[in-house]
Every structure is written in structure tokens, then in C-alpha cells.
Amino acid sequence: ASGDYQQTKGVRSEKRIPTGKLFGLKKHDFIQTPQGTGFVKGKRSTGYFALENILGEKIHASANIKKNTVRLTSRTTTLTQQMESASNSSSR
């Protein structure tokens, strides 16, 4: 199962790692940046994100969220639509 497993960091696990929204984005949101358009793969607390396309190929390793970034769709609608269209085309 894929997901965010590590929930704390620090020597005594005193620092909580944010797993929800960070700068208004969640994981797998579809966004558009000057570096490219893709899904949020990884989040960093400094405001940088890793971007990937629908097939999991890396678009940009550290795109800055603070500069000209637009969230196009949320994660649930786009991923389910892509999965349905991929399964429909392969079953033909």
C-alpha cells in the first residue's frame, strides 16, 4: 500500500510531519507551474514540490509552489477519470 508512513521526525519523535494540505495543496493534486503541468508527488515544508505525470514519470524534482502555481483539479476526480479511461481502452 502506498502512502505517507513516516509521521514524525526528530531524535525523540517530537516533530510532526505535515500530511494534509501544505500551501493549499495535497498529494496527487493536478497543478500547473512554469516548469510543467503534473501531479504533486512529494511535498516539502519549504514550499517546493516534486511533480510527476499520470504514468509516474518525473517532470520536475523541486518546483516552487510560491511562484505562478495554479491548482487545476483536486486529486480524487482526475486520478479516477484517468484510471477509468485507461481500463476502458485496454479492454477493447
N, C-alpha and C. Protein backbone atom coordinates (compact mmCIF):
# COMPACT_ATOMS: atom_id res chain seq x y z
N ALA A 1 0.85 -1.19 0.00
CA ALA A 1 0.00 0.00 0.00
C ALA A 1 0.88 1.23 0.00
N SER A 2 0.53 2.18 -0.85
CA SER A 2 1.32 3.41 -0.91
C SER A 2 0.70 4.45 0.00
N GLY A 3 1.54 5.29 0.59
CA GLY A 3 1.03 6.33 1.47
C GLY A 3 2.15 6.97 2.24
N ASP A 4 1.78 7.88 3.11
CA ASP A 4 2.76 8.56 3.96
C ASP A 4 2.90 7.75 5.25
N TYR A 5 3.99 7.01 5.35
CA TYR A 5 4.17 6.16 6.52
C TYR A 5 4.84 6.90 7.67
N GLN A 6 5.87 7.67 7.38
CA GLN A 6 6.59 8.36 8.45
C GLN A 6 5.77 9.55 8.91
N GLN A 7 5.38 9.57 10.19
CA GLN A 7 4.53 10.63 10.69
C GLN A 7 5.26 11.62 11.57
N THR A 8 6.43 11.24 12.11
CA THR A 8 7.20 12.15 12.96
C THR A 8 8.67 12.07 12.56
N LYS A 9 9.40 13.10 12.97
CA LYS A 9 10.85 13.07 12.80
C LYS A 9 11.48 13.73 14.02
N GLY A 10 12.77 13.64 14.12
CA GLY A 10 13.46 14.15 15.29
C GLY A 10 14.00 13.00 16.11
N VAL A 11 14.90 13.30 17.01
CA VAL A 11 15.54 12.26 17.81
C VAL A 11 14.52 11.55 18.69
N ARG A 12 13.59 12.29 19.27
CA ARG A 12 12.58 11.70 20.16
C ARG A 12 11.18 11.76 19.55
N SER A 13 11.10 11.83 18.24
CA SER A 13 9.83 11.89 17.51
C SER A 13 8.96 13.05 17.97
N GLU A 14 9.58 14.18 18.21
CA GLU A 14 8.83 15.33 18.72
C GLU A 14 8.31 16.25 17.62
N LYS A 15 8.79 16.07 16.38
CA LYS A 15 8.39 16.94 15.28
C LYS A 15 7.41 16.19 14.38
N ARG A 16 6.21 16.71 14.27
CA ARG A 16 5.19 16.09 13.43
C ARG A 16 5.39 16.50 11.97
N ILE A 17 5.33 15.56 11.05
CA ILE A 17 5.46 15.84 9.62
C ILE A 17 4.07 16.12 9.07
N PRO A 18 3.87 17.24 8.38
CA PRO A 18 2.53 17.54 7.85
C PRO A 18 2.14 16.57 6.74
N THR A 19 0.95 15.97 6.86
CA THR A 19 0.48 15.03 5.86
C THR A 19 -0.73 15.56 5.10
N GLY A 20 -1.37 16.60 5.59
CA GLY A 20 -2.55 17.14 4.93
C GLY A 20 -2.16 18.19 3.90
N LYS A 21 -2.87 19.31 3.92
CA LYS A 21 -2.59 20.37 2.96
C LYS A 21 -1.35 21.15 3.38
N LEU A 22 -0.54 21.48 2.40
CA LEU A 22 0.65 22.29 2.61
C LEU A 22 0.66 23.34 1.51
N PHE A 23 0.55 24.59 1.86
CA PHE A 23 0.43 25.70 0.91
C PHE A 23 -0.80 25.52 0.02
N GLY A 24 -1.87 24.95 0.58
CA GLY A 24 -3.11 24.79 -0.16
C GLY A 24 -3.17 23.60 -1.10
N LEU A 25 -2.16 22.74 -1.07
CA LEU A 25 -2.14 21.57 -1.96
C LEU A 25 -2.00 20.29 -1.16
N LYS A 26 -2.58 19.22 -1.69
CA LYS A 26 -2.39 17.89 -1.14
C LYS A 26 -1.59 17.07 -2.15
N LYS A 27 -1.20 15.88 -1.72
CA LYS A 27 -0.54 14.96 -2.63
C LYS A 27 -1.49 14.56 -3.74
N HIS A 28 -0.99 14.42 -4.94
CA HIS A 28 -1.72 13.99 -6.13
C HIS A 28 -2.70 15.03 -6.66
N ASP A 29 -2.60 16.29 -6.23
CA ASP A 29 -3.37 17.35 -6.86
C ASP A 29 -2.76 17.65 -8.22
N PHE A 30 -3.58 18.01 -9.19
CA PHE A 30 -3.11 18.33 -10.54
C PHE A 30 -2.85 19.82 -10.61
N ILE A 31 -1.60 20.23 -10.83
CA ILE A 31 -1.23 21.65 -10.80
C ILE A 31 -0.49 22.03 -12.08
N GLN A 32 -0.46 23.34 -12.32
CA GLN A 32 0.28 23.89 -13.46
C GLN A 32 1.30 24.88 -12.92
N THR A 33 2.56 24.69 -13.31
CA THR A 33 3.65 25.57 -12.91
C THR A 33 4.43 25.97 -14.16
N PRO A 34 5.33 26.95 -14.06
CA PRO A 34 6.18 27.28 -15.21
C PRO A 34 7.08 26.11 -15.63
N GLN A 35 7.39 25.19 -14.70
CA GLN A 35 8.23 24.04 -15.02
C GLN A 35 7.46 22.95 -15.76
N GLY A 36 6.12 22.95 -15.66
CA GLY A 36 5.32 21.95 -16.33
C GLY A 36 4.01 21.72 -15.61
N THR A 37 3.19 20.89 -16.20
CA THR A 37 1.89 20.54 -15.62
C THR A 37 1.92 19.09 -15.20
N GLY A 38 1.52 18.83 -13.94
CA GLY A 38 1.55 17.46 -13.47
C GLY A 38 0.94 17.31 -12.10
N PHE A 39 1.16 16.15 -11.51
CA PHE A 39 0.62 15.82 -10.20
C PHE A 39 1.68 16.05 -9.13
N VAL A 40 1.23 16.45 -7.93
CA VAL A 40 2.13 16.63 -6.80
C VAL A 40 2.51 15.25 -6.30
N LYS A 41 3.79 14.93 -6.37
CA LYS A 41 4.25 13.62 -5.91
C LYS A 41 4.75 13.70 -4.47
N GLY A 42 5.54 14.74 -4.17
CA GLY A 42 6.07 14.89 -2.83
C GLY A 42 6.03 16.34 -2.42
N LYS A 43 5.84 16.56 -1.11
CA LYS A 43 5.76 17.92 -0.59
C LYS A 43 6.95 18.20 0.32
N ARG A 44 7.40 19.43 0.31
CA ARG A 44 8.46 19.86 1.22
C ARG A 44 7.97 21.07 1.99
N SER A 45 8.33 21.17 3.24
CA SER A 45 7.82 22.26 4.08
C SER A 45 8.39 23.61 3.66
N THR A 46 9.40 23.63 2.81
CA THR A 46 9.98 24.89 2.35
C THR A 46 9.19 25.51 1.21
N GLY A 47 8.23 24.79 0.65
CA GLY A 47 7.41 25.32 -0.43
C GLY A 47 7.76 24.75 -1.79
N TYR A 48 8.55 23.70 -1.83
CA TYR A 48 8.90 23.05 -3.09
C TYR A 48 8.18 21.71 -3.17
N PHE A 49 7.84 21.30 -4.41
CA PHE A 49 7.10 20.07 -4.64
C PHE A 49 7.75 19.28 -5.75
N ALA A 50 7.60 17.97 -5.69
CA ALA A 50 8.02 17.11 -6.79
C ALA A 50 6.82 16.88 -7.69
N LEU A 51 7.01 17.02 -9.00
CA LEU A 51 5.92 16.86 -9.97
C LEU A 51 6.13 15.61 -10.80
N GLU A 52 5.03 14.90 -11.11
CA GLU A 52 5.09 13.72 -11.98
C GLU A 52 3.88 13.74 -12.90
N ASN A 53 3.97 12.98 -13.99
CA ASN A 53 2.82 12.88 -14.88
C ASN A 53 1.95 11.70 -14.45
N ILE A 54 0.92 11.39 -15.21
CA ILE A 54 -0.04 10.35 -14.83
C ILE A 54 0.60 8.96 -14.81
N LEU A 55 1.67 8.77 -15.57
CA LEU A 55 2.34 7.48 -15.62
C LEU A 55 3.40 7.32 -14.54
N GLY A 56 3.64 8.36 -13.74
CA GLY A 56 4.62 8.29 -12.67
C GLY A 56 6.00 8.76 -13.07
N GLU A 57 6.15 9.31 -14.27
CA GLU A 57 7.45 9.81 -14.72
C GLU A 57 7.68 11.21 -14.16
N LYS A 58 8.92 11.47 -13.74
CA LYS A 58 9.24 12.73 -13.10
C LYS A 58 9.24 13.88 -14.10
N ILE A 59 8.53 14.95 -13.78
CA ILE A 59 8.53 16.17 -14.60
C ILE A 59 9.56 17.15 -14.04
N HIS A 60 9.49 17.40 -12.72
CA HIS A 60 10.43 18.32 -12.08
C HIS A 60 10.61 17.86 -10.64
N ALA A 61 11.86 17.87 -10.17
CA ALA A 61 12.14 17.36 -8.83
C ALA A 61 11.79 18.36 -7.73
N SER A 62 11.95 19.65 -7.99
CA SER A 62 11.66 20.64 -6.95
C SER A 62 11.09 21.91 -7.57
N ALA A 63 9.80 21.88 -7.86
CA ALA A 63 9.09 23.04 -8.39
C ALA A 63 8.66 23.91 -7.22
N ASN A 64 8.80 25.23 -7.37
CA ASN A 64 8.44 26.15 -6.30
C ASN A 64 6.95 26.45 -6.35
N ILE A 65 6.27 26.24 -5.24
CA ILE A 65 4.83 26.44 -5.17
C ILE A 65 4.48 27.92 -5.06
N LYS A 66 5.42 28.73 -4.61
CA LYS A 66 5.13 30.14 -4.34
C LYS A 66 5.16 31.01 -5.58
N LYS A 67 5.57 30.47 -6.71
CA LYS A 67 5.71 31.27 -7.92
C LYS A 67 4.84 30.72 -9.04
N ASN A 68 3.77 31.44 -9.39
CA ASN A 68 2.93 31.15 -10.55
C ASN A 68 2.43 29.71 -10.61
N THR A 69 1.83 29.24 -9.52
CA THR A 69 1.29 27.89 -9.48
C THR A 69 -0.22 27.95 -9.39
N VAL A 70 -0.88 27.13 -10.21
CA VAL A 70 -2.34 27.08 -10.24
C VAL A 70 -2.77 25.63 -10.04
N ARG A 71 -3.69 25.42 -9.08
CA ARG A 71 -4.24 24.08 -8.89
C ARG A 71 -5.38 23.90 -9.88
N LEU A 72 -5.25 22.94 -10.78
CA LEU A 72 -6.25 22.73 -11.82
C LEU A 72 -7.41 21.88 -11.32
N THR A 73 -7.12 20.74 -10.70
CA THR A 73 -8.17 19.89 -10.15
C THR A 73 -7.66 19.24 -8.88
N SER A 74 -8.61 18.74 -8.09
CA SER A 74 -8.23 18.01 -6.89
C SER A 74 -7.80 16.60 -7.26
N ARG A 75 -7.30 15.89 -6.31
CA ARG A 75 -6.69 14.60 -6.63
C ARG A 75 -7.69 13.51 -6.95
N THR A 76 -8.85 13.48 -6.33
CA THR A 76 -9.73 12.33 -6.50
C THR A 76 -10.36 12.29 -7.89
N THR A 77 -10.80 13.43 -8.40
CA THR A 77 -11.51 13.41 -9.68
C THR A 77 -10.58 13.04 -10.83
N THR A 78 -9.42 13.61 -10.89
CA THR A 78 -8.53 13.38 -12.02
C THR A 78 -7.99 11.96 -12.03
N LEU A 79 -7.57 11.46 -10.88
CA LEU A 79 -6.99 10.11 -10.85
C LEU A 79 -8.03 9.05 -11.20
N THR A 80 -9.26 9.19 -10.74
CA THR A 80 -10.26 8.19 -11.07
C THR A 80 -10.66 8.27 -12.53
N GLN A 81 -10.71 9.48 -13.10
CA GLN A 81 -11.05 9.61 -14.51
C GLN A 81 -9.97 8.98 -15.37
N GLN A 82 -8.71 9.18 -15.04
CA GLN A 82 -7.62 8.61 -15.82
C GLN A 82 -7.62 7.09 -15.70
N MET A 83 -7.89 6.56 -14.52
CA MET A 83 -7.91 5.12 -14.32
C MET A 83 -9.04 4.49 -15.12
N GLU A 84 -10.21 5.12 -15.14
CA GLU A 84 -11.34 4.57 -15.89
C GLU A 84 -11.06 4.60 -17.38
N SER A 85 -10.49 5.69 -17.88
CA SER A 85 -10.22 5.77 -19.31
C SER A 85 -9.13 4.79 -19.73
N ALA A 86 -8.16 4.54 -18.86
CA ALA A 86 -7.11 3.59 -19.18
C ALA A 86 -7.66 2.16 -19.20
N SER A 87 -8.55 1.85 -18.27
CA SER A 87 -9.11 0.49 -18.24
C SER A 87 -10.09 0.28 -19.40
N ASN A 88 -10.79 1.31 -19.82
CA ASN A 88 -11.71 1.18 -20.95
C ASN A 88 -10.96 0.96 -22.26
N SER A 89 -9.85 1.64 -22.43
CA SER A 89 -9.09 1.48 -23.68
C SER A 89 -8.36 0.14 -23.74
N SER A 90 -7.96 -0.40 -22.60
CA SER A 90 -7.25 -1.68 -22.61
C SER A 90 -8.20 -2.86 -22.76
N SER A 91 -9.48 -2.70 -22.41
CA SER A 91 -10.42 -3.81 -22.51
C SER A 91 -10.97 -3.99 -23.92
N ARG A 92 -10.71 -3.05 -24.81
CA ARG A 92 -11.22 -3.13 -26.18
C ARG A 92 -10.36 -4.00 -27.04
